[in-house]
Amino acid sequence: MRQIGSLLNEAHAPLQFSPEEGPGFFTRHGWRPAAVHSIFKWAAKMKRIPYLMRLAALLPESQGRQGSRPWGGVCLMEKSSAGAPT
């Protein structure tokens, strides 16, 4: 933010990060995560990262709240059968 924050603000494109609850954030809006994939794990599977990082990717992922831990992923969402969002 110190280096590029002002440029992003001028362009009306501020950096935004995901909510603490992760993909579960969308459940209150009528969506639920059907599949969640870590970009890091997928890159290791496709052998797109160095060997030592692939070894690190073998470690299990936490399924709980991630807090301030960096994580990048792709979520496939489906409309919840519960109906309208709250």
C-alpha atoms as a PDB file:
ATOM      1  CA  MET A   1       0.000   0.000   0.000  1.00  0.00           C
ATOM      2  CA  ARG A   2       2.892   2.359   0.718  1.00  0.00           C
ATOM      3  CA  GLN A   3       4.257   1.942  -2.787  1.00  0.00           C
ATOM      4  CA  ILE A   4       1.163   1.747  -4.981  1.00  0.00           C
ATOM      5  CA  GLY A   5      -1.752   2.644  -2.707  1.00  0.00           C
ATOM      6  CA  SER A   6      -2.084   6.216  -3.944  1.00  0.00           C
ATOM      7  CA  LEU A   7      -2.001   5.101  -7.599  1.00  0.00           C
ATOM      8  CA  LEU A   8      -4.716   2.525  -6.982  1.00  0.00           C
ATOM      9  CA  ASN A   9      -6.874   5.063  -5.165  1.00  0.00           C
ATOM     10  CA  GLU A  10      -6.491   7.549  -8.021  1.00  0.00           C
ATOM     11  CA  ALA A  11      -7.620   4.836 -10.437  1.00  0.00           C
ATOM     12  CA  HIS A  12     -10.601   4.036  -8.146  1.00  0.00           C
ATOM     13  CA  ALA A  13      -9.278   0.458  -7.832  1.00  0.00           C
ATOM     14  CA  PRO A  14      -8.374  -0.031  -4.164  1.00  0.00           C
ATOM     15  CA  LEU A  15      -6.931  -3.338  -2.965  1.00  0.00           C
ATOM     16  CA  GLN A  16      -9.660  -5.369  -1.322  1.00  0.00           C
ATOM     17  CA  PHE A  17      -9.261  -8.598   0.576  1.00  0.00           C
ATOM     18  CA  SER A  18     -11.713 -11.352   1.287  1.00  0.00           C
ATOM     19  CA  PRO A  19     -13.803 -11.461   4.449  1.00  0.00           C
ATOM     20  CA  GLU A  20     -12.481 -13.404   7.432  1.00  0.00           C
ATOM     21  CA  GLU A  21     -15.087 -16.149   7.064  1.00  0.00           C
ATOM     22  CA  GLY A  22     -13.818 -17.016   3.570  1.00  0.00           C
ATOM     23  CA  PRO A  23     -16.237 -18.652   1.108  1.00  0.00           C
ATOM     24  CA  GLY A  24     -18.764 -19.073   3.931  1.00  0.00           C
ATOM     25  CA  PHE A  25     -19.378 -15.313   3.676  1.00  0.00           C
ATOM     26  CA  PHE A  26     -21.673 -15.922   0.703  1.00  0.00           C
ATOM     27  CA  THR A  27     -24.044 -18.319   2.493  1.00  0.00           C
ATOM     28  CA  ARG A  28     -25.981 -15.438   4.033  1.00  0.00           C
ATOM     29  CA  HIS A  29     -26.499 -14.105   0.504  1.00  0.00           C
ATOM     30  CA  GLY A  30     -28.084 -17.310  -0.778  1.00  0.00           C
ATOM     31  CA  TRP A  31     -24.971 -19.065  -2.142  1.00  0.00           C
ATOM     32  CA  ARG A  32     -22.947 -21.979  -0.841  1.00  0.00           C
ATOM     33  CA  PRO A  33     -19.482 -23.199  -1.875  1.00  0.00           C
ATOM     34  CA  ALA A  34     -19.797 -26.341  -4.022  1.00  0.00           C
ATOM     35  CA  ALA A  35     -16.019 -26.673  -4.478  1.00  0.00           C
ATOM     36  CA  VAL A  36     -13.055 -24.733  -3.109  1.00  0.00           C
ATOM     37  CA  HIS A  37      -9.575 -25.220  -4.593  1.00  0.00           C
ATOM     38  CA  SER A  38      -6.276 -23.768  -3.425  1.00  0.00           C
ATOM     39  CA  ILE A  39      -4.287 -22.186  -6.254  1.00  0.00           C
ATOM     40  CA  PHE A  40      -1.072 -23.278  -4.514  1.00  0.00           C
ATOM     41  CA  LYS A  41      -2.189 -26.934  -4.297  1.00  0.00           C
ATOM     42  CA  TRP A  42      -3.390 -26.904  -7.909  1.00  0.00           C
ATOM     43  CA  ALA A  43      -0.099 -25.392  -9.126  1.00  0.00           C
ATOM     44  CA  ALA A  44       1.786 -28.144  -7.283  1.00  0.00           C
ATOM     45  CA  LYS A  45      -0.438 -30.812  -8.819  1.00  0.00           C
ATOM     46  CA  MET A  46       0.204 -29.420 -12.305  1.00  0.00           C
ATOM     47  CA  LYS A  47       3.955 -29.136 -11.534  1.00  0.00           C
ATOM     48  CA  ARG A  48       3.908 -25.382 -12.165  1.00  0.00           C
ATOM     49  CA  ILE A  49       5.954 -24.495  -9.059  1.00  0.00           C
ATOM     50  CA  PRO A  50       9.492 -25.490  -7.990  1.00  0.00           C
ATOM     51  CA  TYR A  51      10.057 -28.940  -6.492  1.00  0.00           C
ATOM     52  CA  LEU A  52      10.618 -27.733  -2.913  1.00  0.00           C
ATOM     53  CA  MET A  53       7.353 -25.794  -3.011  1.00  0.00           C
ATOM     54  CA  ARG A  54       5.596 -28.930  -4.272  1.00  0.00           C
ATOM     55  CA  LEU A  55       6.816 -30.708  -1.163  1.00  0.00           C
ATOM     56  CA  ALA A  56       5.323 -27.927   0.985  1.00  0.00           C
ATOM     57  CA  ALA A  57       2.048 -28.312  -0.899  1.00  0.00           C
ATOM     58  CA  LEU A  58       1.779 -31.881   0.418  1.00  0.00           C
ATOM     59  CA  LEU A  59       1.066 -30.496   3.887  1.00  0.00           C
ATOM     60  CA  PRO A  60      -2.636 -30.520   4.796  1.00  0.00           C
ATOM     61  CA  GLU A  61      -4.627 -27.306   4.577  1.00  0.00           C
ATOM     62  CA  SER A  62      -6.550 -25.878   7.488  1.00  0.00           C
ATOM     63  CA  GLN A  63     -10.301 -26.077   6.951  1.00  0.00           C
ATOM     64  CA  GLY A  64     -11.108 -23.485   9.595  1.00  0.00           C
ATOM     65  CA  ARG A  65     -10.787 -19.718   9.591  1.00  0.00           C
ATOM     66  CA  GLN A  66      -7.552 -18.577   8.039  1.00  0.00           C
ATOM     67  CA  GLY A  67      -7.176 -15.311   9.938  1.00  0.00           C
ATOM     68  CA  SER A  68      -4.289 -13.275   8.545  1.00  0.00           C
ATOM     69  CA  ARG A  69      -2.736 -16.250   6.754  1.00  0.00           C
ATOM     70  CA  PRO A  70      -2.395 -15.565   3.022  1.00  0.00           C
ATOM     71  CA  TRP A  71      -4.433 -17.893   0.828  1.00  0.00           C
ATOM     72  CA  GLY A  72      -5.545 -17.798  -2.778  1.00  0.00           C
ATOM     73  CA  GLY A  73      -8.145 -20.007  -4.286  1.00  0.00           C
ATOM     74  CA  VAL A  74     -11.011 -20.540  -6.644  1.00  0.00           C
ATOM     75  CA  CYS A  75     -14.534 -21.170  -5.398  1.00  0.00           C
ATOM     76  CA  LEU A  76     -17.362 -22.733  -7.372  1.00  0.00           C
ATOM     77  CA  MET A  77     -20.583 -21.440  -5.847  1.00  0.00           C
ATOM     78  CA  GLU A  78     -24.112 -22.781  -6.228  1.00  0.00           C
ATOM     79  CA  LYS A  79     -27.424 -21.228  -5.353  1.00  0.00           C
ATOM     80  CA  SER A  80     -28.558 -22.368  -1.947  1.00  0.00           C
ATOM     81  CA  SER A  81     -31.804 -24.332  -1.898  1.00  0.00           C
ATOM     82  CA  ALA A  82     -32.834 -22.348   1.193  1.00  0.00           C
ATOM     83  CA  GLY A  83     -34.267 -19.650  -1.066  1.00  0.00           C
ATOM     84  CA  ALA A  84     -33.958 -15.905  -0.875  1.00  0.00           C
ATOM     85  CA  PRO A  85     -30.939 -14.208   0.693  1.00  0.00           C
ATOM     86  CA  THR A  86     -31.314 -12.561   4.075  1.00  0.00           C
END
